[in-house]
């Protein structure tokens, strides 16, 4: 799935227009990238990534 497909799917499921979805997903990518680059080791990076995914999954419920 490429970036355009992700944006279209998120837009479809959320009811939010594609332009706004794109802005949010780009901001999320920037934040995640910054957090991962600030990790001291690969284990820390995976822990941060897992925590973000877990948070998002729990918010969905």
PDB file of N, CA and C in Angstrom:
ATOM      1  N   UNK A   1       0.855  -1.171   0.000  1.00  0.00           N
ATOM      2  CA  UNK A   1       0.000   0.000   0.000  1.00  0.00           C
ATOM      3  C   UNK A   1       0.903   1.237   0.000  1.00  0.00           C
ATOM      4  N   UNK A   2       0.678   2.124  -0.944  1.00  0.00           N
ATOM      5  CA  UNK A   2       1.502   3.331  -0.999  1.00  0.00           C
ATOM      6  C   UNK A   2       0.837   4.474  -0.220  1.00  0.00           C
ATOM      7  N   UNK A   3       1.522   5.606  -0.147  1.00  0.00           N
ATOM      8  CA  UNK A   3       1.060   6.742   0.650  1.00  0.00           C
ATOM      9  C   UNK A   3      -0.319   7.229   0.201  1.00  0.00           C
ATOM     10  N   UNK A   4      -0.536   7.338  -1.092  1.00  0.00           N
ATOM     11  CA  UNK A   4      -1.828   7.800  -1.610  1.00  0.00           C
ATOM     12  C   UNK A   4      -2.955   6.851  -1.228  1.00  0.00           C
ATOM     13  N   UNK A   5      -2.679   5.565  -1.265  1.00  0.00           N
ATOM     14  CA  UNK A   5      -3.686   4.574  -0.890  1.00  0.00           C
ATOM     15  C   UNK A   5      -4.010   4.648   0.596  1.00  0.00           C
ATOM     16  N   UNK A   6      -2.996   4.868   1.412  1.00  0.00           N
ATOM     17  CA  UNK A   6      -3.219   5.011   2.857  1.00  0.00           C
ATOM     18  C   UNK A   6      -4.096   6.232   3.131  1.00  0.00           C
ATOM     19  N   UNK A   7      -3.768   7.339   2.500  1.00  0.00           N
ATOM     20  CA  UNK A   7      -4.543   8.568   2.691  1.00  0.00           C
ATOM     21  C   UNK A   7      -5.988   8.363   2.257  1.00  0.00           C
ATOM     22  N   UNK A   8      -6.191   7.743   1.124  1.00  0.00           N
ATOM     23  CA  UNK A   8      -7.550   7.495   0.627  1.00  0.00           C
ATOM     24  C   UNK A   8      -8.334   6.604   1.588  1.00  0.00           C
ATOM     25  N   UNK A   9      -7.687   5.569   2.103  1.00  0.00           N
ATOM     26  CA  UNK A   9      -8.361   4.638   3.012  1.00  0.00           C
ATOM     27  C   UNK A   9      -8.696   5.309   4.339  1.00  0.00           C
ATOM     28  N   UNK A  10      -7.763   6.088   4.881  1.00  0.00           N
ATOM     29  CA  UNK A  10      -8.009   6.806   6.137  1.00  0.00           C
ATOM     30  C   UNK A  10      -9.134   7.817   5.937  1.00  0.00           C
ATOM     31  N   UNK A  11      -9.115   8.503   4.819  1.00  0.00           N
ATOM     32  CA  UNK A  11     -10.163   9.471   4.506  1.00  0.00           C
ATOM     33  C   UNK A  11     -11.530   8.787   4.432  1.00  0.00           C
ATOM     34  N   UNK A  12     -11.558   7.655   3.760  1.00  0.00           N
ATOM     35  CA  UNK A  12     -12.802   6.903   3.614  1.00  0.00           C
ATOM     36  C   UNK A  12     -13.345   6.432   4.960  1.00  0.00           C
ATOM     37  N   UNK A  13     -12.472   5.866   5.787  1.00  0.00           N
ATOM     38  CA  UNK A  13     -12.903   5.317   7.073  1.00  0.00           C
ATOM     39  C   UNK A  13     -13.238   6.386   8.102  1.00  0.00           C
ATOM     40  N   UNK A  14     -12.570   7.533   8.024  1.00  0.00           N
ATOM     41  CA  UNK A  14     -12.763   8.566   9.044  1.00  0.00           C
ATOM     42  C   UNK A  14     -13.798   9.610   8.654  1.00  0.00           C
ATOM     43  N   UNK A  15     -14.069   9.747   7.359  1.00  0.00           N
ATOM     44  CA  UNK A  15     -14.970  10.782   6.906  1.00  0.00           C
ATOM     45  C   UNK A  15     -14.306  12.148   6.838  1.00  0.00           C
ATOM     46  N   UNK A  16     -12.983  12.181   7.009  1.00  0.00           N
ATOM     47  CA  UNK A  16     -12.202  13.416   6.942  1.00  0.00           C
ATOM     48  C   UNK A  16     -11.664  13.541   5.525  1.00  0.00           C
ATOM     49  N   UNK A  17     -11.644  14.765   4.983  1.00  0.00           N
ATOM     50  CA  UNK A  17     -11.201  14.905   3.596  1.00  0.00           C
ATOM     51  C   UNK A  17      -9.730  14.510   3.435  1.00  0.00           C
ATOM     52  N   UNK A  18      -9.376  14.112   2.233  1.00  0.00           N
ATOM     53  CA  UNK A  18      -8.047  13.570   1.940  1.00  0.00           C
ATOM     54  C   UNK A  18      -6.924  14.573   2.220  1.00  0.00           C
ATOM     55  N   UNK A  19      -7.156  15.856   1.948  1.00  0.00           N
ATOM     56  CA  UNK A  19      -6.110  16.857   2.205  1.00  0.00           C
ATOM     57  C   UNK A  19      -5.766  16.935   3.693  1.00  0.00           C
ATOM     58  N   UNK A  20      -6.796  16.913   4.548  1.00  0.00           N
ATOM     59  CA  UNK A  20      -6.550  16.948   5.991  1.00  0.00           C
ATOM     60  C   UNK A  20      -5.880  15.665   6.473  1.00  0.00           C
ATOM     61  N   UNK A  21      -6.300  14.537   5.927  1.00  0.00           N
ATOM     62  CA  UNK A  21      -5.660  13.263   6.277  1.00  0.00           C
ATOM     63  C   UNK A  21      -4.183  13.279   5.906  1.00  0.00           C
ATOM     64  N   UNK A  22      -3.881  13.822   4.747  1.00  0.00           N
ATOM     65  CA  UNK A  22      -2.493  13.884   4.309  1.00  0.00           C
ATOM     66  C   UNK A  22      -1.664  14.726   5.269  1.00  0.00           C
ATOM     67  N   UNK A  23      -2.173  15.866   5.695  1.00  0.00           N
ATOM     68  CA  UNK A  23      -1.453  16.725   6.642  1.00  0.00           C
ATOM     69  C   UNK A  23      -1.189  16.001   7.950  1.00  0.00           C
ATOM     70  N   UNK A  24      -2.211  15.317   8.458  1.00  0.00           N
ATOM     71  CA  UNK A  24      -2.069  14.609   9.732  1.00  0.00           C
ATOM     72  C   UNK A  24      -1.079  13.461   9.608  1.00  0.00           C
ATOM     73  N   UNK A  25      -1.175  12.688   8.536  1.00  0.00           N
ATOM     74  CA  UNK A  25      -0.264  11.559   8.365  1.00  0.00           C
ATOM     75  C   UNK A  25       1.185  12.020   8.164  1.00  0.00           C
ATOM     76  N   UNK A  26       1.379  13.128   7.473  1.00  0.00           N
ATOM     77  CA  UNK A  26       2.733  13.664   7.307  1.00  0.00           C
ATOM     78  C   UNK A  26       3.285  14.147   8.649  1.00  0.00           C
ATOM     79  N   UNK A  27       2.453  14.796   9.455  1.00  0.00           N
ATOM     80  CA  UNK A  27       2.892  15.250  10.773  1.00  0.00           C
ATOM     81  C   UNK A  27       3.221  14.052  11.659  1.00  0.00           C
ATOM     82  N   UNK A  28       2.389  13.011  11.594  1.00  0.00           N
ATOM     83  CA  UNK A  28       2.639  11.797  12.365  1.00  0.00           C
ATOM     84  C   UNK A  28       3.961  11.163  11.959  1.00  0.00           C
ATOM     85  N   UNK A  29       4.204  11.107  10.671  1.00  0.00           N
ATOM     86  CA  UNK A  29       5.465  10.550  10.169  1.00  0.00           C
ATOM     87  C   UNK A  29       6.657  11.348  10.681  1.00  0.00           C
ATOM     88  N   UNK A  30       6.546  12.670  10.699  1.00  0.00           N
ATOM     89  CA  UNK A  30       7.631  13.516  11.200  1.00  0.00           C
ATOM     90  C   UNK A  30       7.886  13.273  12.682  1.00  0.00           C
ATOM     91  N   UNK A  31       6.812  13.220  13.468  1.00  0.00           N
ATOM     92  CA  UNK A  31       6.948  12.995  14.914  1.00  0.00           C
ATOM     93  C   UNK A  31       7.563  11.625  15.181  1.00  0.00           C
ATOM     94  N   UNK A  32       7.072  10.608  14.504  1.00  0.00           N
ATOM     95  CA  UNK A  32       7.600   9.262  14.694  1.00  0.00           C
ATOM     96  C   UNK A  32       9.063   9.197  14.285  1.00  0.00           C
ATOM     97  N   UNK A  33       9.403   9.822  13.180  1.00  0.00           N
ATOM     98  CA  UNK A  33      10.789   9.839  12.717  1.00  0.00           C
ATOM     99  C   UNK A  33      11.708  10.512  13.732  1.00  0.00           C
ATOM    100  N   UNK A  34      11.265  11.632  14.291  1.00  0.00           N
ATOM    101  CA  UNK A  34      12.055  12.336  15.311  1.00  0.00           C
ATOM    102  C   UNK A  34      12.253  11.466  16.550  1.00  0.00           C
ATOM    103  N   UNK A  35      11.183  10.827  16.995  1.00  0.00           N
ATOM    104  CA  UNK A  35      11.276   9.983  18.179  1.00  0.00           C
ATOM    105  C   UNK A  35      12.217   8.804  17.947  1.00  0.00           C
ATOM    106  N   UNK A  36      12.101   8.190  16.784  1.00  0.00           N
ATOM    107  CA  UNK A  36      12.969   7.042  16.492  1.00  0.00           C
ATOM    108  C   UNK A  36      14.426   7.474  16.361  1.00  0.00           C
ATOM    109  N   UNK A  37      14.670   8.637  15.788  1.00  0.00           N
ATOM    110  CA  UNK A  37      16.051   9.099  15.639  1.00  0.00           C
ATOM    111  C   UNK A  37      16.659   9.498  16.983  1.00  0.00           C
ATOM    112  N   UNK A  38      15.816   9.828  17.953  1.00  0.00           N
ATOM    113  CA  UNK A  38      16.314  10.182  19.288  1.00  0.00           C
ATOM    114  C   UNK A  38      16.543   8.965  20.174  1.00  0.00           C
ATOM    115  N   UNK A  39      16.171   7.774  19.694  1.00  0.00           N
ATOM    116  CA  UNK A  39      16.381   6.554  20.467  1.00  0.00           C
ATOM    117  C   UNK A  39      17.866   6.231  20.504  1.00  0.00           C
ATOM    118  N   UNK A  40      18.308   5.751  21.637  1.00  0.00           N
ATOM    119  CA  UNK A  40      19.724   5.456  21.814  1.00  0.00           C
ATOM    120  C   UNK A  40      20.146   4.142  21.153  1.00  0.00           C
ATOM    121  N   UNK A  41      19.213   3.220  21.013  1.00  0.00           N
ATOM    122  CA  UNK A  41      19.538   1.936  20.396  1.00  0.00           C
ATOM    123  C   UNK A  41      18.323   1.399  19.644  1.00  0.00           C
ATOM    124  N   UNK A  42      18.515   0.340  18.922  1.00  0.00           N
ATOM    125  CA  UNK A  42      17.437  -0.220  18.106  1.00  0.00           C
ATOM    126  C   UNK A  42      16.307  -0.741  18.975  1.00  0.00           C
ATOM    127  N   UNK A  43      16.615  -1.287  20.130  1.00  0.00           N
ATOM    128  CA  UNK A  43      15.585  -1.782  21.042  1.00  0.00           C
ATOM    129  C   UNK A  43      14.682  -0.638  21.500  1.00  0.00           C
ATOM    130  N   UNK A  44      15.294   0.495  21.823  1.00  0.00           N
ATOM    131  CA  UNK A  44      14.522   1.666  22.241  1.00  0.00           C
ATOM    132  C   UNK A  44      13.637   2.173  21.118  1.00  0.00           C
ATOM    133  N   UNK A  45      14.147   2.125  19.902  1.00  0.00           N
ATOM    134  CA  UNK A  45      13.374   2.569  18.743  1.00  0.00           C
ATOM    135  C   UNK A  45      12.154   1.677  18.545  1.00  0.00           C
ATOM    136  N   UNK A  46      12.352   0.359  18.649  1.00  0.00           N
ATOM    137  CA  UNK A  46      11.221  -0.554  18.494  1.00  0.00           C
ATOM    138  C   UNK A  46      10.216  -0.392  19.628  1.00  0.00           C
ATOM    139  N   UNK A  47      10.708  -0.145  20.841  1.00  0.00           N
ATOM    140  CA  UNK A  47       9.803   0.089  21.969  1.00  0.00           C
ATOM    141  C   UNK A  47       8.929   1.311  21.718  1.00  0.00           C
ATOM    142  N   UNK A  48       9.517   2.389  21.234  1.00  0.00           N
ATOM    143  CA  UNK A  48       8.746   3.600  20.949  1.00  0.00           C
ATOM    144  C   UNK A  48       7.723   3.341  19.853  1.00  0.00           C
ATOM    145  N   UNK A  49       8.145   2.669  18.812  1.00  0.00           N
ATOM    146  CA  UNK A  49       7.244   2.368  17.708  1.00  0.00           C
ATOM    147  C   UNK A  49       6.075   1.502  18.175  1.00  0.00           C
ATOM    148  N   UNK A  50       6.368   0.475  18.964  1.00  0.00           N
ATOM    149  CA  UNK A  50       5.332  -0.405  19.493  1.00  0.00           C
ATOM    150  C   UNK A  50       4.373   0.368  20.395  1.00  0.00           C
ATOM    151  N   UNK A  51       4.904   1.271  21.215  1.00  0.00           N
ATOM    152  CA  UNK A  51       4.053   2.060  22.111  1.00  0.00           C
ATOM    153  C   UNK A  51       3.104   2.955  21.322  1.00  0.00           C
ATOM    154  N   UNK A  52       3.590   3.554  20.256  1.00  0.00           N
ATOM    155  CA  UNK A  52       2.738   4.407  19.432  1.00  0.00           C
ATOM    156  C   UNK A  52       1.634   3.567  18.781  1.00  0.00           C
ATOM    157  N   UNK A  53       1.991   2.427  18.219  1.00  0.00           N
ATOM    158  CA  UNK A  53       0.987   1.571  17.592  1.00  0.00           C
ATOM    159  C   UNK A  53      -0.035   1.067  18.608  1.00  0.00           C
ATOM    160  N   UNK A  54       0.423   0.712  19.798  1.00  0.00           N
ATOM    161  CA  UNK A  54      -0.490   0.259  20.850  1.00  0.00           C
ATOM    162  C   UNK A  54      -1.440   1.379  21.260  1.00  0.00           C
ATOM    163  N   UNK A  55      -0.913   2.583  21.390  1.00  0.00           N
ATOM    164  CA  UNK A  55      -1.742   3.738  21.739  1.00  0.00           C
ATOM    165  C   UNK A  55      -2.823   3.953  20.686  1.00  0.00           C
ATOM    166  N   UNK A  56      -2.436   3.930  19.428  1.00  0.00           N
ATOM    167  CA  UNK A  56      -3.393   4.149  18.353  1.00  0.00           C
ATOM    168  C   UNK A  56      -4.446   3.044  18.309  1.00  0.00           C
ATOM    169  N   UNK A  57      -4.026   1.824  18.527  1.00  0.00           N
ATOM    170  CA  UNK A  57      -4.950   0.705  18.510  1.00  0.00           C
ATOM    171  C   UNK A  57      -5.970   0.837  19.648  1.00  0.00           C
ATOM    172  N   UNK A  58      -5.520   1.229  20.831  1.00  0.00           N
ATOM    173  CA  UNK A  58      -6.412   1.375  21.983  1.00  0.00           C
ATOM    174  C   UNK A  58      -7.356   2.554  21.829  1.00  0.00           C
ATOM    175  N   UNK A  59      -6.913   3.623  21.157  1.00  0.00           N
ATOM    176  CA  UNK A  59      -7.774   4.787  20.942  1.00  0.00           C
ATOM    177  C   UNK A  59      -8.920   4.439  19.987  1.00  0.00           C
ATOM    178  N   UNK A  60      -8.689   3.488  19.118  1.00  0.00           N
ATOM    179  CA  UNK A  60      -9.679   3.093  18.125  1.00  0.00           C
ATOM    180  C   UNK A  60     -10.891   2.431  18.786  1.00  0.00           C
ATOM    181  N   UNK A  61     -10.676   1.787  19.896  1.00  0.00           N
ATOM    182  CA  UNK A  61     -11.748   1.022  20.572  1.00  0.00           C
ATOM    183  C   UNK A  61     -12.700   1.895  21.281  1.00  0.00           C
TER     184      UNK A  61
END
